[in-house]
């Protein structure tokens, strides 16, 4: 069966070989010759384009395919690397590509090595990622591996490009940070977010598709890298970075079989190794190496009787984020179809929430590490009273832990909250 990707290449071929007069007595290309070119492309196969956005892949390694294009972002522009680097550096991108090359079935792809991170400091600018993603969109890249990210951040421009890439059929895989906090772009709904099984539930080369609606992380995996470390005499460590190219490699192998976004999602779910031990609070806590028991962030609750609707709950988070506070929300109540960044929603009954309320808030605090947490609900849960710092109410009050917001706008309420904690 010829996929749409083959068909795309056929159209290009047909356009290129459209009969043209060549002059000097040379005859035109015949229609039969045009058809021969198209058939050759069908038989030869489509060369998939795979991009690694990282700190660059080291020169001279044998694992790269024959066709490799090397770029870097400099001064806000993407530039082709015309000269080989004079600096010897075992880069993060090189180690990630070694993992990818270990698991792919062939090297019959075009590699886009796009450097956005400094090879010595492994640091970079979020704007450079946006430029790299736009370049991948322009180049019709099929698969993008990003073993990088930024916590506490959603870039609207990058999110728009991720959506356009997704709509075009591009598959993107990104790593959650090694503290397993909310990480962008791994936590974008257009990207497969990957984390490693740090607890040790999964066996070698197993993965579990979890599709976590709260963190937007999709896959937990156990990628074995001991043989790579032994082969090259290096220490890579157990990192989410190296679990990501393992998943990218599995996806590439499926693409070569004619896979698309829908079939690859089916493949990941079908081959997922599930364990109920992965879906426990004990596992989630152990997966966060820097787990902190005490919540050191202000917690603000909107009282259930307050006329501030969920809309204003979302507006307050928006206002604080525009003020450059890393604000998140936790909503306990009825399910809503629409999603909203940085709001964690729990659609369970009051009794179930009561038993887990404290651990839920602690978990959100640990994975987000926010500057402020807003809690909204329509269940009238009373067990959070000892957790929150202030409660927003609609009537008058003399209670020091309550703020009367009757008749106030969201902007005015935000100013009252800031004044309270100053």
Protein backbone atom coordinates (compact mmCIF):
# COMPACT_ATOMS: atom_id res chain seq x y z
CA UNK A 1 0.00 0.00 0.00
CA UNK A 2 1.34 3.46 -0.90
CA UNK A 3 0.87 5.92 1.95
CA UNK A 4 0.14 9.62 1.66
CA UNK A 5 3.82 10.29 2.21
CA UNK A 6 4.71 8.30 -0.87
CA UNK A 7 2.02 10.19 -2.76
CA UNK A 8 3.51 13.50 -1.63
CA UNK A 9 6.83 12.48 -3.14
CA UNK A 10 5.11 11.35 -6.34
CA UNK A 11 3.60 14.80 -6.82
CA UNK A 12 7.01 16.40 -6.42
CA UNK A 13 8.48 14.02 -8.96
CA UNK A 14 5.70 14.69 -11.44
CA UNK A 15 6.17 18.42 -11.08
CA UNK A 16 9.92 18.17 -11.61
CA UNK A 17 9.70 16.07 -14.73
CA UNK A 18 6.86 17.93 -16.41
CA UNK A 19 7.72 17.85 -20.17
CA UNK A 20 9.70 20.92 -21.18
CA UNK A 21 11.37 21.89 -24.48
CA UNK A 22 15.12 21.40 -24.13
CA UNK A 23 16.26 23.14 -27.30
CA UNK A 24 19.20 22.36 -29.63
CA UNK A 25 17.33 19.50 -31.22
CA UNK A 26 17.00 17.59 -27.94
CA UNK A 27 13.61 15.98 -27.54
CA UNK A 28 11.19 16.57 -24.69
CA UNK A 29 10.82 14.20 -21.73
CA UNK A 30 8.17 11.70 -22.73
CA UNK A 31 5.10 10.91 -20.64
CA UNK A 32 6.34 7.31 -20.31
CA UNK A 33 9.62 8.50 -18.81
CA UNK A 34 7.71 10.56 -16.28
CA UNK A 35 5.80 7.48 -15.20
CA UNK A 36 9.06 5.50 -14.86
CA UNK A 37 10.40 8.11 -12.43
CA UNK A 38 7.24 7.92 -10.34
CA UNK A 39 7.34 4.12 -10.21
CA UNK A 40 10.99 4.23 -9.14
CA UNK A 41 10.12 6.51 -6.25
CA UNK A 42 7.35 4.17 -5.20
CA UNK A 43 9.68 1.19 -5.24
CA UNK A 44 12.61 2.97 -3.66
CA UNK A 45 10.63 4.21 -0.68
CA UNK A 46 10.21 7.57 0.97
CA UNK A 47 13.17 8.86 2.97
CA UNK A 48 11.78 9.93 6.33
CA UNK A 49 13.11 13.08 7.91
CA UNK A 50 14.15 12.76 11.55
CA UNK A 51 15.20 15.80 13.58
CA UNK A 52 17.21 15.85 16.80
CA UNK A 53 16.89 19.24 18.50
CA UNK A 54 19.63 19.30 21.12
CA UNK A 55 23.23 20.50 21.58
CA UNK A 56 24.48 18.90 18.38
CA UNK A 57 25.70 15.44 17.39
CA UNK A 58 29.45 14.89 17.53
CA UNK A 59 31.38 14.80 14.26
CA UNK A 60 32.65 11.51 12.90
CA UNK A 61 30.47 8.95 14.70
CA UNK A 62 29.59 5.91 12.62
CA UNK A 63 25.96 5.62 13.68
CA UNK A 64 24.65 8.56 11.66
CA UNK A 65 22.96 7.90 8.29
CA UNK A 66 24.49 8.85 4.96
CA UNK A 67 22.24 11.87 4.63
CA UNK A 68 22.74 14.29 7.52
CA UNK A 69 22.04 18.00 7.59
CA UNK A 70 23.58 20.01 10.41
CA UNK A 71 22.23 23.36 11.59
CA UNK A 72 22.53 25.69 14.54
CA UNK A 73 20.58 28.69 15.78
CA UNK A 74 22.72 31.81 15.98
CA UNK A 75 21.54 35.36 16.63
CA UNK A 76 17.94 34.29 16.23
CA UNK A 77 18.46 32.69 12.82
CA UNK A 78 18.98 29.12 11.68
CA UNK A 79 22.27 28.57 9.89
CA UNK A 80 23.68 25.54 8.15
CA UNK A 81 26.94 24.30 9.64
CA UNK A 82 29.43 24.49 6.78
CA UNK A 83 32.57 23.73 8.75
CA UNK A 84 33.28 20.88 11.12
CA UNK A 85 33.55 21.80 14.78
CA UNK A 86 37.10 22.15 16.07
CA UNK A 87 35.92 21.43 19.62
CA UNK A 88 35.86 17.78 20.76
CA UNK A 89 32.81 17.39 22.90
CA UNK A 90 30.87 14.28 23.84
CA UNK A 91 27.58 16.07 23.60
CA UNK A 92 24.23 15.26 25.15
CA UNK A 93 22.79 15.06 21.63
CA UNK A 94 25.40 12.45 20.66
CA UNK A 95 24.48 10.18 23.55
CA UNK A 96 20.78 10.57 22.76
CA UNK A 97 21.43 9.65 19.14
CA UNK A 98 23.41 6.58 20.18
CA UNK A 99 20.29 5.38 22.01
CA UNK A 100 18.16 6.09 18.94
CA UNK A 101 20.58 4.26 16.62
CA UNK A 102 20.62 1.22 18.92
CA UNK A 103 16.87 0.64 18.54
CA UNK A 104 16.11 1.67 14.93
CA UNK A 105 15.89 -1.06 12.31
CA UNK A 106 17.82 0.86 9.64
CA UNK A 107 19.62 4.11 8.81
CA UNK A 108 17.54 4.92 5.75
CA UNK A 109 16.44 8.36 6.86
CA UNK A 110 17.55 11.96 6.53
CA UNK A 111 18.89 13.25 9.84
CA UNK A 112 18.39 16.88 10.78
CA UNK A 113 20.89 17.68 13.53
CA UNK A 114 19.66 21.02 14.89
CA UNK A 115 21.75 22.58 17.65
CA UNK A 116 19.97 25.04 19.93
CA UNK A 117 21.91 24.33 23.14
CA UNK A 118 25.49 25.31 23.87
CA UNK A 119 27.62 22.15 23.65
CA UNK A 120 29.62 23.07 26.78
CA UNK A 121 26.91 24.45 29.09
CA UNK A 122 23.85 22.57 27.68
CA UNK A 123 21.86 25.79 28.06
CA UNK A 124 19.78 27.61 25.49
CA UNK A 125 16.94 29.99 24.80
CA UNK A 126 13.28 29.07 24.46
CA UNK A 127 13.03 31.35 21.47
CA UNK A 128 15.61 29.19 19.67
CA UNK A 129 13.40 26.14 20.15
CA UNK A 130 10.56 28.04 18.47
CA UNK A 131 12.83 28.84 15.51
CA UNK A 132 13.94 25.20 15.27
CA UNK A 133 10.35 23.96 15.34
CA UNK A 134 9.34 26.42 12.62
CA UNK A 135 12.26 25.17 10.52
CA UNK A 136 11.08 21.58 10.99
CA UNK A 137 7.60 22.66 9.90
CA UNK A 138 9.01 24.30 6.76
CA UNK A 139 11.16 21.24 5.98
CA UNK A 140 8.29 18.73 6.37
CA UNK A 141 10.13 16.80 9.08
CA UNK A 142 8.32 13.58 10.03
CA UNK A 143 9.72 12.85 13.51
CA UNK A 144 11.27 15.22 16.08
CA UNK A 145 13.20 14.13 19.18
CA UNK A 146 13.63 16.72 21.94
CA UNK A 147 15.52 15.51 25.00
CA UNK A 148 15.27 18.99 26.47
CA UNK A 149 12.72 21.33 27.94
CA UNK A 150 11.91 24.12 30.33
CA UNK A 151 9.90 23.92 33.54
CA UNK A 152 7.11 26.29 34.58
CA UNK A 153 6.67 27.64 31.08
CA UNK A 154 4.31 27.52 28.13
CA UNK A 155 5.27 29.57 25.13
CA UNK A 156 2.18 30.47 23.08
CA UNK A 157 4.19 30.90 19.88
CA UNK A 158 5.86 27.50 20.27
CA UNK A 159 2.53 25.89 21.16
CA UNK A 160 1.02 27.26 17.95
CA UNK A 161 3.87 25.75 15.91
CA UNK A 162 3.55 22.43 17.76
CA UNK A 163 -0.13 22.37 16.83
CA UNK A 164 0.66 23.10 13.18
CA UNK A 165 3.30 20.37 13.15
CA UNK A 166 0.83 17.95 14.70
CA UNK A 167 -1.90 18.91 12.22
CA UNK A 168 0.58 18.26 9.42
CA UNK A 169 1.27 14.75 10.69
CA UNK A 170 4.62 15.29 12.39
CA UNK A 171 5.24 13.14 15.45
CA UNK A 172 7.11 14.77 18.34
CA UNK A 173 8.69 13.14 21.37
CA UNK A 174 10.13 15.09 24.32
CA UNK A 175 11.61 14.36 27.74
CA UNK A 176 10.24 15.40 31.09
CA UNK A 177 12.95 16.94 33.25
CA UNK A 178 14.85 14.62 35.60
CA UNK A 179 13.01 15.91 38.66
CA UNK A 180 9.77 14.84 36.92
CA UNK A 181 8.30 18.32 37.14
CA UNK A 182 5.97 19.90 34.60
CA UNK A 183 8.20 20.37 31.56
CA UNK A 184 7.59 22.04 28.22
CA UNK A 185 7.32 20.87 25.44
CA UNK A 186 6.98 17.33 26.92
CA UNK A 187 3.72 18.35 28.61
CA UNK A 188 2.19 19.79 25.46
CA UNK A 189 -0.85 17.84 24.29
CA UNK A 190 0.70 17.70 20.79
CA UNK A 191 3.84 15.89 21.98
CA UNK A 192 4.56 12.44 23.42
CA UNK A 193 6.02 13.25 26.83
CA UNK A 194 8.40 10.60 28.18
CA UNK A 195 9.76 9.83 31.63
CA UNK A 196 11.95 7.01 32.92
CA UNK A 197 10.84 4.36 35.39
CA UNK A 198 13.08 5.45 38.26
CA UNK A 199 11.41 3.07 40.73
CA UNK A 200 12.19 -0.13 38.82
CA UNK A 201 8.76 -1.60 38.08
CA UNK A 202 9.34 -2.09 34.35
CA UNK A 203 11.85 -4.56 32.94
CA UNK A 204 14.50 -3.84 30.30
CA UNK A 205 13.09 -2.21 27.14
CA UNK A 206 9.53 -2.16 28.45
CA UNK A 207 7.32 0.89 28.40
CA UNK A 208 3.91 1.79 29.72
CA UNK A 209 1.54 4.16 27.93
CA UNK A 210 -0.16 6.13 30.72
CA UNK A 211 -1.59 9.21 28.95
CA UNK A 212 -1.66 11.19 32.19
CA UNK A 213 -4.34 13.87 31.83
CA UNK A 214 -2.89 15.93 34.68
CA UNK A 215 0.80 16.15 33.77
CA UNK A 216 0.30 15.41 30.04
CA UNK A 217 3.11 12.84 30.29
CA UNK A 218 2.27 9.90 28.04
CA UNK A 219 4.91 7.21 28.50
CA UNK A 220 6.99 5.68 31.28
CA UNK A 221 9.87 3.61 29.89
CA UNK A 222 12.85 1.52 30.91
CA UNK A 223 15.53 2.01 28.29
CA UNK A 224 18.70 -0.02 28.85
CA UNK A 225 21.90 1.95 28.16
CA UNK A 226 24.54 -0.16 29.97
CA UNK A 227 25.82 -1.61 26.68
CA UNK A 228 26.27 1.89 25.22
CA UNK A 229 28.16 2.99 28.33
CA UNK A 230 30.38 -0.08 28.10
CA UNK A 231 31.01 0.29 24.37
CA UNK A 232 32.17 3.90 24.61
CA UNK A 233 33.61 3.86 28.14
CA UNK A 234 31.25 6.58 29.37
CA UNK A 235 28.74 7.13 32.15
CA UNK A 236 25.36 8.36 30.95
CA UNK A 237 23.26 7.83 34.06
CA UNK A 238 19.55 7.13 34.37
CA UNK A 239 17.88 10.12 32.78
CA UNK A 240 14.61 10.89 31.04
CA UNK A 241 16.72 12.26 28.18
CA UNK A 242 17.77 8.77 27.12
CA UNK A 243 14.35 7.17 27.45
CA UNK A 244 13.04 9.66 24.91
CA UNK A 245 15.12 8.60 21.85
CA UNK A 246 14.24 4.98 22.68
CA UNK A 247 10.56 5.81 22.19
CA UNK A 248 11.43 7.90 19.10
CA UNK A 249 13.21 4.87 17.63
CA UNK A 250 10.19 2.62 18.16
CA UNK A 251 8.01 5.24 16.47
CA UNK A 252 10.44 5.52 13.54
CA UNK A 253 10.28 1.75 13.01
CA UNK A 254 6.49 1.98 12.86
CA UNK A 255 6.64 4.90 10.44
CA UNK A 256 8.73 2.75 8.11
CA UNK A 257 5.91 0.21 8.10
CA UNK A 258 3.56 2.89 6.82
CA UNK A 259 2.42 4.12 10.20
CA UNK A 260 0.73 7.42 10.90
CA UNK A 261 -0.31 9.31 14.04
CA UNK A 262 -3.38 7.16 14.65
CA UNK A 263 -1.71 3.78 14.05
CA UNK A 264 1.35 4.71 16.13
CA UNK A 265 -0.85 5.67 19.07
CA UNK A 266 -2.49 2.26 18.66
CA UNK A 267 0.93 0.59 18.59
CA UNK A 268 2.03 2.32 21.79
CA UNK A 269 -1.15 1.32 23.60
CA UNK A 270 -1.06 -2.26 22.30
CA UNK A 271 2.58 -2.83 23.28
CA UNK A 272 2.32 -1.04 26.60
CA UNK A 273 3.22 -3.12 29.65
CA UNK A 274 0.79 -2.12 32.37
CA UNK A 275 1.28 -2.55 36.10
CA UNK A 276 -1.19 -1.26 38.67
CA UNK A 277 1.86 -0.37 40.78
CA UNK A 278 2.54 2.48 38.33
CA UNK A 279 -0.80 4.07 39.20
CA UNK A 280 -0.34 4.59 42.93
CA UNK A 281 0.53 7.61 45.02
CA UNK A 282 3.50 5.65 46.40
CA UNK A 283 4.96 5.28 42.90
CA UNK A 284 4.31 8.91 42.00
CA UNK A 285 6.05 10.14 45.15
CA UNK A 286 9.06 7.86 44.66
CA UNK A 287 9.37 9.10 41.07
CA UNK A 288 10.08 12.63 42.29
CA UNK A 289 13.67 12.62 43.63
CA UNK A 290 13.33 15.96 45.42
CA UNK A 291 9.95 15.28 47.04
CA UNK A 292 9.12 17.93 49.63
CA UNK A 293 6.56 17.19 52.35
CA UNK A 294 5.96 20.77 53.44
CA UNK A 295 4.09 23.10 51.08
CA UNK A 296 6.00 26.38 51.09
CA UNK A 297 3.79 28.11 48.53
CA UNK A 298 0.72 30.27 49.35
CA UNK A 299 -2.53 28.32 48.88
CA UNK A 300 -5.68 30.30 48.07
CA UNK A 301 -9.14 28.73 48.10
CA UNK A 302 -12.26 30.12 46.46
CA UNK A 303 -15.20 29.36 48.76
CA UNK A 304 -17.96 27.26 47.19
CA UNK A 305 -20.61 29.86 48.11
CA UNK A 306 -18.67 32.69 46.46
CA UNK A 307 -20.24 34.07 43.31
CA UNK A 308 -16.85 33.92 41.61
CA UNK A 309 -17.41 31.26 39.00
CA UNK A 310 -14.83 28.84 37.62
CA UNK A 311 -14.30 31.40 34.88
CA UNK A 312 -12.91 33.87 37.42
CA UNK A 313 -10.88 31.09 38.98
CA UNK A 314 -9.17 30.68 35.61
CA UNK A 315 -8.87 34.44 35.14
CA UNK A 316 -7.02 34.81 38.46
CA UNK A 317 -4.47 32.24 37.36
CA UNK A 318 -4.08 34.07 34.06
CA UNK A 319 -3.58 37.41 35.78
CA UNK A 320 -0.90 36.04 38.09
CA UNK A 321 0.91 34.38 35.21
CA UNK A 322 0.90 37.66 33.29
CA UNK A 323 2.47 39.20 36.39
CA UNK A 324 5.21 36.55 35.99
CA UNK A 325 4.09 34.46 38.94
CA UNK A 326 4.17 30.73 38.30
CA UNK A 327 0.54 30.16 39.27
CA UNK A 328 -1.32 26.83 39.13
CA UNK A 329 -4.82 25.75 40.04
CA UNK A 330 -6.49 22.63 41.41
CA UNK A 331 -10.19 22.19 40.65
CA UNK A 332 -12.28 19.56 42.42
CA UNK A 333 -15.64 19.14 40.83
CA UNK A 334 -17.66 18.48 37.72
CA UNK A 335 -15.87 17.45 34.56
CA UNK A 336 -15.38 19.99 31.81
CA UNK A 337 -14.41 19.17 28.23
CA UNK A 338 -12.16 22.17 27.70
CA UNK A 339 -8.60 22.09 28.97
CA UNK A 340 -6.71 24.94 30.53
CA UNK A 341 -2.96 25.11 31.10
CA UNK A 342 -1.78 24.74 34.69
CA UNK A 343 -5.11 23.65 36.13
CA UNK A 344 -5.21 20.15 37.58
CA UNK A 345 -8.74 18.76 37.55
CA UNK A 346 -10.09 15.95 39.71
CA UNK A 347 -13.52 14.65 38.71
CA UNK A 348 -14.20 12.21 41.52
CA UNK A 349 -16.83 12.17 44.23
CA UNK A 350 -16.44 13.98 47.52
CA UNK A 351 -15.66 10.86 49.54
CA UNK A 352 -12.79 9.85 47.24
CA UNK A 353 -11.37 13.37 47.25
CA UNK A 354 -11.51 13.64 51.05
CA UNK A 355 -9.19 10.63 51.41
CA UNK A 356 -6.55 11.97 49.00
CA UNK A 357 -6.91 15.74 49.28
CA UNK A 358 -3.67 16.44 51.12
CA UNK A 359 -1.52 14.21 48.94
CA UNK A 360 -3.06 15.69 45.78
CA UNK A 361 -2.11 19.22 46.81
CA UNK A 362 1.38 18.11 47.87
CA UNK A 363 1.83 16.30 44.57
CA UNK A 364 0.82 19.34 42.52
CA UNK A 365 3.19 21.45 44.60
CA UNK A 366 6.08 19.05 43.93
CA UNK A 367 5.59 18.57 40.19
CA UNK A 368 4.88 22.24 39.48
CA UNK A 369 6.89 24.06 42.20
CA UNK A 370 4.62 27.08 41.74
CA UNK A 371 4.68 30.54 43.32
CA UNK A 372 1.00 30.30 44.25
CA UNK A 373 -1.72 27.60 44.20
CA UNK A 374 -5.42 28.34 43.67
CA UNK A 375 -8.02 25.79 44.78
CA UNK A 376 -11.56 25.79 43.44
CA UNK A 377 -14.30 23.25 44.06
CA UNK A 378 -17.99 22.53 43.98
CA UNK A 379 -17.96 19.68 46.51
CA UNK A 380 -17.70 21.75 49.72
CA UNK A 381 -14.67 19.77 50.91
CA UNK A 382 -13.83 20.78 54.47
CA UNK A 383 -10.62 18.78 54.91
CA UNK A 384 -8.60 21.40 53.05
CA UNK A 385 -9.21 24.02 55.74
CA UNK A 386 -5.89 23.25 57.44
CA UNK A 387 -3.98 23.43 54.13
CA UNK A 388 -5.09 26.74 52.65
CA UNK A 389 -3.66 30.09 53.73
CA UNK A 390 -6.62 32.25 52.77
CA UNK A 391 -10.18 31.74 51.55
CA UNK A 392 -11.94 34.13 49.19
CA UNK A 393 -15.57 34.65 50.28
CA UNK A 394 -18.50 36.66 49.02
CA UNK A 395 -19.70 38.18 52.30
CA UNK A 396 -18.23 40.23 55.12
CA UNK A 397 -15.79 38.59 57.52
CA UNK A 398 -13.56 39.34 60.49
CA UNK A 399 -11.59 36.12 60.05
CA UNK A 400 -7.91 36.81 59.30
CA UNK A 401 -7.78 33.80 56.98
CA UNK A 402 -10.61 35.10 54.80
CA UNK A 403 -10.81 37.87 52.22
CA UNK A 404 -14.13 39.43 51.23
CA UNK A 405 -14.20 39.82 47.44
CA UNK A 406 -17.82 40.88 47.02
CA UNK A 407 -18.21 43.18 44.01
CA UNK A 408 -14.51 42.99 43.11
CA UNK A 409 -13.08 42.31 39.67
CA UNK A 410 -10.50 39.57 39.08
CA UNK A 411 -7.79 42.23 38.77
CA UNK A 412 -8.79 43.82 42.08
CA UNK A 413 -8.86 40.42 43.77
CA UNK A 414 -5.35 39.64 42.50
CA UNK A 415 -4.07 42.89 44.01
CA UNK A 416 -5.75 42.04 47.34
CA UNK A 417 -4.07 38.60 47.35
CA UNK A 418 -0.64 40.08 46.64
CA UNK A 419 -1.11 42.64 49.43
CA UNK A 420 -2.17 39.88 51.85
CA UNK A 421 1.08 37.97 51.41
CA UNK A 422 3.41 40.97 51.39
